[in-house]
């Protein structure tokens, strides 16, 4: 039987790193992010249709103060969700999650407030909503 040398151990390190990154730890749902899109337009019904390259979360009609929400796991490469929203003859498209933009600003709560002047995103670091899209 061959001796287990330091050079053999060095060959295993990349495999161990991949396993540590890929194998979930504990409760998987605890590590999922949640996108929430809320209607804050006033007495107007908001149609929301959100999707990613791989998932369509469906069409939702939201009255004032109501929201739609869905959990997702971030991919190792890049995750993007975008929404089309419609109200009173208006239509807007915007990105609700882009891992390149949002990994720092929304660790778990990727919350959005759709308002008459734009879409506001909740920044978990500052604990405040910030306008990211204007219309």
N, C-alpha and C. Protein backbone atom coordinates (compact mmCIF):
# COMPACT_ATOMS: atom_id res chain seq x y z
N UNK A 1 0.83 -1.17 0.00
CA UNK A 1 0.00 0.00 0.00
C UNK A 1 0.89 1.25 0.00
N UNK A 2 0.52 2.22 -0.84
CA UNK A 2 1.31 3.44 -1.01
C UNK A 2 1.17 4.34 0.22
N UNK A 3 2.28 4.97 0.60
CA UNK A 3 2.25 5.91 1.72
C UNK A 3 1.48 7.17 1.32
N UNK A 4 0.77 7.73 2.28
CA UNK A 4 0.00 8.95 2.06
C UNK A 4 0.94 10.13 2.29
N UNK A 5 1.40 10.76 1.21
CA UNK A 5 2.41 11.83 1.31
C UNK A 5 1.76 13.20 1.32
N UNK A 6 2.58 14.21 1.58
CA UNK A 6 2.11 15.60 1.59
C UNK A 6 1.62 16.00 0.20
N UNK A 7 2.25 15.52 -0.86
CA UNK A 7 1.82 15.88 -2.22
C UNK A 7 0.43 15.31 -2.51
N UNK A 8 0.14 14.10 -1.98
CA UNK A 8 -1.20 13.54 -2.16
C UNK A 8 -2.24 14.36 -1.41
N UNK A 9 -1.89 14.84 -0.23
CA UNK A 9 -2.80 15.67 0.56
C UNK A 9 -3.10 16.97 -0.17
N UNK A 10 -2.09 17.59 -0.78
CA UNK A 10 -2.29 18.83 -1.53
C UNK A 10 -3.24 18.63 -2.71
N UNK A 11 -3.24 17.45 -3.30
CA UNK A 11 -4.16 17.16 -4.41
C UNK A 11 -5.61 17.09 -3.94
N UNK A 12 -5.84 16.75 -2.67
CA UNK A 12 -7.19 16.62 -2.13
C UNK A 12 -7.79 17.96 -1.68
N UNK A 13 -6.98 18.96 -1.45
CA UNK A 13 -7.48 20.24 -0.91
C UNK A 13 -8.54 20.88 -1.82
N UNK A 14 -8.35 20.97 -3.15
CA UNK A 14 -9.43 21.56 -3.98
C UNK A 14 -10.75 20.80 -3.85
N UNK A 15 -10.70 19.48 -3.77
CA UNK A 15 -11.92 18.68 -3.62
C UNK A 15 -12.60 18.98 -2.28
N UNK A 16 -11.82 19.09 -1.23
CA UNK A 16 -12.39 19.40 0.08
C UNK A 16 -13.03 20.78 0.11
N UNK A 17 -12.42 21.75 -0.55
CA UNK A 17 -12.99 23.10 -0.61
C UNK A 17 -14.33 23.06 -1.33
N UNK A 18 -14.42 22.36 -2.45
CA UNK A 18 -15.68 22.26 -3.19
C UNK A 18 -16.74 21.60 -2.32
N UNK A 19 -16.40 20.54 -1.62
CA UNK A 19 -17.37 19.86 -0.77
C UNK A 19 -17.89 20.77 0.34
N UNK A 20 -17.02 21.55 0.94
CA UNK A 20 -17.44 22.47 2.00
C UNK A 20 -18.41 23.51 1.46
N UNK A 21 -18.18 24.00 0.23
CA UNK A 21 -19.04 25.01 -0.36
C UNK A 21 -20.38 24.45 -0.83
N UNK A 22 -20.40 23.21 -1.28
CA UNK A 22 -21.60 22.64 -1.90
C UNK A 22 -22.52 21.95 -0.91
N UNK A 23 -21.99 21.27 0.06
CA UNK A 23 -22.83 20.52 1.00
C UNK A 23 -23.49 21.48 1.98
N UNK A 24 -24.86 21.48 2.03
CA UNK A 24 -25.54 22.38 2.95
C UNK A 24 -25.25 22.04 4.40
N UNK A 25 -25.27 23.06 5.22
CA UNK A 25 -25.02 22.88 6.64
C UNK A 25 -26.31 23.09 7.41
N UNK A 26 -26.69 22.17 8.24
CA UNK A 26 -27.86 22.33 9.09
C UNK A 26 -29.14 22.48 8.30
N UNK A 27 -30.00 23.38 8.75
CA UNK A 27 -31.29 23.63 8.14
C UNK A 27 -31.10 24.49 6.90
N UNK A 28 -31.36 23.91 5.71
CA UNK A 28 -31.16 24.62 4.46
C UNK A 28 -32.03 25.86 4.39
N UNK A 29 -33.28 25.80 4.88
CA UNK A 29 -34.19 26.94 4.79
C UNK A 29 -33.66 28.15 5.55
N UNK A 30 -32.83 27.94 6.54
CA UNK A 30 -32.29 29.05 7.31
C UNK A 30 -31.32 29.88 6.47
N UNK A 31 -30.74 29.29 5.41
CA UNK A 31 -29.79 30.01 4.58
C UNK A 31 -30.44 30.59 3.33
N UNK A 32 -31.72 30.37 3.13
CA UNK A 32 -32.38 30.90 1.93
C UNK A 32 -32.68 32.37 2.08
N UNK A 33 -32.60 33.06 0.95
CA UNK A 33 -33.01 34.46 0.90
C UNK A 33 -34.49 34.50 0.57
N UNK A 34 -35.14 35.61 0.91
CA UNK A 34 -36.56 35.78 0.61
C UNK A 34 -36.74 37.10 -0.11
N UNK A 35 -37.37 37.04 -1.29
CA UNK A 35 -37.76 38.25 -1.99
C UNK A 35 -39.20 38.54 -1.62
N UNK A 36 -39.48 39.81 -1.37
CA UNK A 36 -40.85 40.24 -1.08
C UNK A 36 -41.10 41.52 -1.88
N UNK A 37 -42.20 41.54 -2.63
CA UNK A 37 -42.59 42.72 -3.40
C UNK A 37 -43.93 43.17 -2.85
N UNK A 38 -43.98 44.40 -2.34
CA UNK A 38 -45.17 44.93 -1.67
C UNK A 38 -45.76 46.10 -2.45
N UNK A 39 -47.09 46.14 -2.52
CA UNK A 39 -47.80 47.24 -3.15
C UNK A 39 -47.98 48.38 -2.14
N UNK A 40 -47.29 49.48 -2.38
CA UNK A 40 -47.44 50.69 -1.57
C UNK A 40 -47.84 51.87 -2.46
N UNK A 41 -48.70 51.57 -3.45
CA UNK A 41 -49.14 52.59 -4.41
C UNK A 41 -50.38 53.34 -3.93
N UNK A 42 -50.99 52.91 -2.88
CA UNK A 42 -52.26 53.50 -2.46
C UNK A 42 -53.40 52.60 -2.90
N UNK A 43 -54.54 53.16 -3.17
CA UNK A 43 -55.73 52.37 -3.51
C UNK A 43 -55.72 51.92 -4.97
N UNK A 44 -54.67 51.20 -5.36
CA UNK A 44 -54.49 50.71 -6.72
C UNK A 44 -54.07 49.25 -6.64
N UNK A 45 -54.61 48.42 -7.54
CA UNK A 45 -54.17 47.02 -7.61
C UNK A 45 -52.91 46.94 -8.45
N UNK A 46 -51.93 46.23 -7.94
CA UNK A 46 -50.64 46.05 -8.60
C UNK A 46 -50.53 44.62 -9.10
N UNK A 47 -50.26 44.44 -10.41
CA UNK A 47 -49.98 43.12 -10.97
C UNK A 47 -48.46 42.94 -10.92
N UNK A 48 -48.02 41.81 -10.37
CA UNK A 48 -46.60 41.51 -10.24
C UNK A 48 -46.34 40.14 -10.87
N UNK A 49 -45.38 40.08 -11.79
CA UNK A 49 -44.97 38.81 -12.40
C UNK A 49 -43.44 38.74 -12.32
N UNK A 50 -42.93 37.84 -11.47
CA UNK A 50 -41.48 37.74 -11.25
C UNK A 50 -40.96 36.39 -11.71
N UNK A 51 -39.69 36.39 -12.14
CA UNK A 51 -39.08 35.16 -12.64
C UNK A 51 -37.55 35.29 -12.65
N UNK A 52 -36.94 34.14 -12.82
CA UNK A 52 -35.50 34.07 -13.04
C UNK A 52 -35.30 33.26 -14.31
N UNK A 53 -34.05 32.97 -14.62
CA UNK A 53 -33.77 32.13 -15.80
C UNK A 53 -34.42 30.76 -15.65
N UNK A 54 -34.47 30.25 -14.42
CA UNK A 54 -34.95 28.88 -14.18
C UNK A 54 -36.33 28.80 -13.53
N UNK A 55 -36.80 29.87 -12.89
CA UNK A 55 -38.04 29.80 -12.12
C UNK A 55 -38.98 30.94 -12.49
N UNK A 56 -40.28 30.61 -12.54
CA UNK A 56 -41.33 31.61 -12.72
C UNK A 56 -42.19 31.53 -11.46
N UNK A 57 -42.25 32.61 -10.70
CA UNK A 57 -42.99 32.56 -9.43
C UNK A 57 -44.45 32.96 -9.60
N UNK A 58 -44.87 33.19 -10.85
CA UNK A 58 -46.28 33.40 -11.14
C UNK A 58 -46.70 34.86 -11.13
N UNK A 59 -47.96 35.06 -11.51
CA UNK A 59 -48.57 36.38 -11.56
C UNK A 59 -49.40 36.57 -10.30
N UNK A 60 -49.25 37.73 -9.67
CA UNK A 60 -49.98 38.03 -8.44
C UNK A 60 -50.61 39.41 -8.56
N UNK A 61 -51.83 39.53 -8.06
CA UNK A 61 -52.53 40.82 -8.03
C UNK A 61 -52.62 41.25 -6.57
N UNK A 62 -52.01 42.39 -6.28
CA UNK A 62 -51.87 42.83 -4.90
C UNK A 62 -52.64 44.12 -4.65
N UNK A 63 -53.47 44.11 -3.63
CA UNK A 63 -54.10 45.35 -3.20
C UNK A 63 -53.12 46.10 -2.31
N UNK A 64 -53.44 47.35 -1.98
CA UNK A 64 -52.54 48.19 -1.21
C UNK A 64 -52.11 47.52 0.11
N UNK A 65 -50.81 47.52 0.36
CA UNK A 65 -50.26 46.95 1.59
C UNK A 65 -50.00 45.45 1.52
N UNK A 66 -50.50 44.77 0.51
CA UNK A 66 -50.27 43.33 0.37
C UNK A 66 -48.98 43.07 -0.40
N UNK A 67 -48.47 41.85 -0.27
CA UNK A 67 -47.21 41.52 -0.93
C UNK A 67 -47.19 40.06 -1.36
N UNK A 68 -46.28 39.76 -2.26
CA UNK A 68 -45.98 38.39 -2.66
C UNK A 68 -44.55 38.11 -2.22
N UNK A 69 -44.27 36.86 -1.90
CA UNK A 69 -42.95 36.51 -1.39
C UNK A 69 -42.56 35.12 -1.86
N UNK A 70 -41.26 34.88 -2.01
CA UNK A 70 -40.77 33.55 -2.33
C UNK A 70 -39.33 33.40 -1.85
N UNK A 71 -38.98 32.19 -1.39
CA UNK A 71 -37.61 31.91 -0.97
C UNK A 71 -36.80 31.37 -2.16
N UNK A 72 -35.50 31.54 -2.08
CA UNK A 72 -34.63 30.97 -3.11
C UNK A 72 -33.24 30.80 -2.53
N UNK A 73 -32.49 29.92 -3.14
CA UNK A 73 -31.09 29.73 -2.77
C UNK A 73 -30.21 30.39 -3.82
N UNK A 74 -29.22 31.10 -3.38
CA UNK A 74 -28.28 31.76 -4.28
C UNK A 74 -27.43 30.71 -4.98
N UNK A 75 -27.22 30.87 -6.28
CA UNK A 75 -26.34 29.94 -6.99
C UNK A 75 -24.89 30.34 -6.74
N UNK A 76 -23.98 29.45 -6.99
CA UNK A 76 -22.56 29.75 -6.79
C UNK A 76 -22.05 30.74 -7.83
N UNK A 77 -22.69 30.77 -8.99
CA UNK A 77 -22.22 31.63 -10.07
C UNK A 77 -22.91 32.99 -10.01
N UNK A 78 -24.20 33.05 -10.36
CA UNK A 78 -24.95 34.31 -10.34
C UNK A 78 -26.44 34.01 -10.32
N UNK A 79 -27.17 34.74 -9.51
CA UNK A 79 -28.62 34.60 -9.43
C UNK A 79 -29.25 35.95 -9.74
N UNK A 80 -30.25 35.94 -10.64
CA UNK A 80 -30.97 37.16 -10.99
C UNK A 80 -32.46 36.85 -11.03
N UNK A 81 -33.26 37.66 -10.33
CA UNK A 81 -34.72 37.65 -10.43
C UNK A 81 -35.15 39.03 -10.88
N UNK A 82 -36.12 39.10 -11.78
CA UNK A 82 -36.67 40.37 -12.22
C UNK A 82 -38.18 40.28 -12.23
N UNK A 83 -38.81 41.44 -12.17
CA UNK A 83 -40.28 41.49 -12.13
C UNK A 83 -40.80 42.47 -13.17
N UNK A 84 -41.96 42.14 -13.70
CA UNK A 84 -42.75 43.07 -14.49
C UNK A 84 -43.93 43.45 -13.61
N UNK A 85 -44.16 44.75 -13.48
CA UNK A 85 -45.29 45.21 -12.68
C UNK A 85 -46.17 46.11 -13.54
N UNK A 86 -47.49 46.05 -13.27
CA UNK A 86 -48.45 46.88 -14.01
C UNK A 86 -49.49 47.42 -13.04
N UNK A 87 -49.88 48.69 -13.27
CA UNK A 87 -50.95 49.32 -12.51
C UNK A 87 -51.42 50.55 -13.29
N UNK A 88 -52.70 50.76 -13.32
CA UNK A 88 -53.30 51.95 -13.96
C UNK A 88 -52.70 52.27 -15.33
N UNK A 89 -52.49 51.28 -16.17
CA UNK A 89 -51.93 51.52 -17.50
C UNK A 89 -50.42 51.69 -17.54
N UNK A 90 -49.77 51.70 -16.39
CA UNK A 90 -48.30 51.81 -16.31
C UNK A 90 -47.70 50.41 -16.32
N UNK A 91 -46.49 50.30 -16.87
CA UNK A 91 -45.76 49.02 -16.87
C UNK A 91 -44.29 49.31 -16.63
N UNK A 92 -43.68 48.57 -15.70
CA UNK A 92 -42.26 48.71 -15.41
C UNK A 92 -41.64 47.32 -15.24
N UNK A 93 -40.38 47.21 -15.60
CA UNK A 93 -39.58 46.00 -15.37
C UNK A 93 -38.39 46.41 -14.52
N UNK A 94 -38.09 45.60 -13.51
CA UNK A 94 -36.92 45.90 -12.70
C UNK A 94 -36.38 44.63 -12.06
N UNK A 95 -35.10 44.67 -11.73
CA UNK A 95 -34.41 43.53 -11.13
C UNK A 95 -34.59 43.60 -9.62
N UNK A 96 -35.20 42.54 -9.05
CA UNK A 96 -35.41 42.51 -7.60
C UNK A 96 -34.27 41.81 -6.87
N UNK A 97 -33.50 41.00 -7.59
CA UNK A 97 -32.31 40.41 -6.97
C UNK A 97 -31.28 40.11 -8.04
N UNK A 98 -30.10 40.64 -7.85
CA UNK A 98 -28.93 40.32 -8.67
C UNK A 98 -27.80 40.09 -7.68
N UNK A 99 -27.31 38.87 -7.64
CA UNK A 99 -26.31 38.53 -6.62
C UNK A 99 -25.08 39.44 -6.67
N UNK A 100 -24.73 39.94 -7.85
CA UNK A 100 -23.58 40.85 -7.93
C UNK A 100 -23.87 42.17 -7.22
N UNK A 101 -25.10 42.63 -7.26
CA UNK A 101 -25.48 43.89 -6.62
C UNK A 101 -25.92 43.68 -5.17
N UNK A 102 -26.61 42.57 -4.89
CA UNK A 102 -27.38 42.46 -3.65
C UNK A 102 -26.83 41.54 -2.57
N UNK A 103 -25.78 40.83 -2.80
CA UNK A 103 -25.26 39.94 -1.74
C UNK A 103 -24.91 40.70 -0.48
N UNK A 104 -24.46 41.93 -0.61
CA UNK A 104 -24.07 42.73 0.55
C UNK A 104 -25.26 43.44 1.16
N UNK A 105 -26.18 43.93 0.33
CA UNK A 105 -27.29 44.76 0.84
C UNK A 105 -28.47 43.93 1.33
N UNK A 106 -28.63 42.72 0.85
CA UNK A 106 -29.73 41.90 1.37
C UNK A 106 -29.25 40.47 1.58
N UNK A 107 -28.89 40.17 2.83
CA UNK A 107 -28.40 38.83 3.16
C UNK A 107 -29.54 37.83 3.15
N UNK A 108 -30.65 38.17 3.77
CA UNK A 108 -31.81 37.27 3.83
C UNK A 108 -33.10 37.93 3.36
N UNK A 109 -33.28 39.21 3.65
CA UNK A 109 -34.53 39.93 3.35
C UNK A 109 -34.32 40.83 2.13
N UNK A 110 -34.75 40.37 0.98
CA UNK A 110 -34.68 41.16 -0.24
C UNK A 110 -36.08 41.73 -0.49
N UNK A 111 -36.41 42.74 0.29
CA UNK A 111 -37.76 43.30 0.30
C UNK A 111 -37.83 44.53 -0.59
N UNK A 112 -38.98 44.66 -1.27
CA UNK A 112 -39.22 45.80 -2.16
C UNK A 112 -40.55 46.44 -1.84
N UNK A 113 -40.58 47.75 -1.95
CA UNK A 113 -41.79 48.54 -1.78
C UNK A 113 -42.02 49.30 -3.09
N UNK A 114 -43.13 48.98 -3.77
CA UNK A 114 -43.47 49.66 -5.02
C UNK A 114 -44.33 50.87 -4.67
N UNK A 115 -43.81 52.06 -4.98
CA UNK A 115 -44.46 53.32 -4.62
C UNK A 115 -44.74 54.14 -5.89
N UNK A 116 -45.55 55.17 -5.79
CA UNK A 116 -45.88 55.96 -6.98
C UNK A 116 -44.67 56.54 -7.71
N UNK A 117 -43.58 56.82 -7.00
CA UNK A 117 -42.41 57.43 -7.64
C UNK A 117 -41.28 56.46 -7.95
N UNK A 118 -41.42 55.18 -7.58
CA UNK A 118 -40.36 54.22 -7.88
C UNK A 118 -40.41 52.98 -7.02
N UNK A 119 -39.38 52.14 -7.19
CA UNK A 119 -39.25 50.90 -6.42
C UNK A 119 -38.14 51.09 -5.40
N UNK A 120 -38.47 50.80 -4.15
CA UNK A 120 -37.54 50.98 -3.03
C UNK A 120 -37.12 49.61 -2.52
N UNK A 121 -35.84 49.45 -2.28
CA UNK A 121 -35.29 48.19 -1.80
C UNK A 121 -34.82 48.36 -0.36
N UNK A 122 -35.11 47.36 0.46
CA UNK A 122 -34.69 47.38 1.86
C UNK A 122 -33.22 46.98 1.95
N UNK A 123 -32.43 47.83 2.59
CA UNK A 123 -31.01 47.56 2.79
C UNK A 123 -30.84 47.04 4.22
N UNK A 124 -30.49 45.76 4.34
CA UNK A 124 -30.35 45.17 5.68
C UNK A 124 -29.21 45.80 6.48
N UNK A 125 -28.21 46.29 5.79
CA UNK A 125 -27.08 46.90 6.50
C UNK A 125 -27.50 48.20 7.18
N UNK A 126 -28.26 49.06 6.46
CA UNK A 126 -28.68 50.34 7.02
C UNK A 126 -30.06 50.28 7.67
N UNK A 127 -30.78 49.19 7.43
CA UNK A 127 -32.15 49.02 7.95
C UNK A 127 -33.10 50.09 7.42
N UNK A 128 -32.88 50.51 6.15
CA UNK A 128 -33.74 51.51 5.54
C UNK A 128 -34.04 51.13 4.10
N UNK A 129 -35.19 51.65 3.62
CA UNK A 129 -35.53 51.50 2.21
C UNK A 129 -34.82 52.59 1.41
N UNK A 130 -34.29 52.18 0.23
CA UNK A 130 -33.61 53.10 -0.67
C UNK A 130 -34.24 53.00 -2.05
N UNK A 131 -34.46 54.13 -2.70
CA UNK A 131 -35.02 54.09 -4.05
C UNK A 131 -33.95 53.64 -5.03
N UNK A 132 -34.18 52.50 -5.68
CA UNK A 132 -33.24 52.00 -6.66
C UNK A 132 -33.75 52.21 -8.08
N UNK A 133 -35.06 52.34 -8.25
CA UNK A 133 -35.65 52.56 -9.57
C UNK A 133 -36.66 53.70 -9.46
N UNK A 134 -36.58 54.65 -10.39
CA UNK A 134 -37.53 55.77 -10.42
C UNK A 134 -38.38 55.65 -11.68
N UNK A 135 -39.63 56.08 -11.55
CA UNK A 135 -40.49 56.20 -12.74
C UNK A 135 -41.37 57.40 -12.62
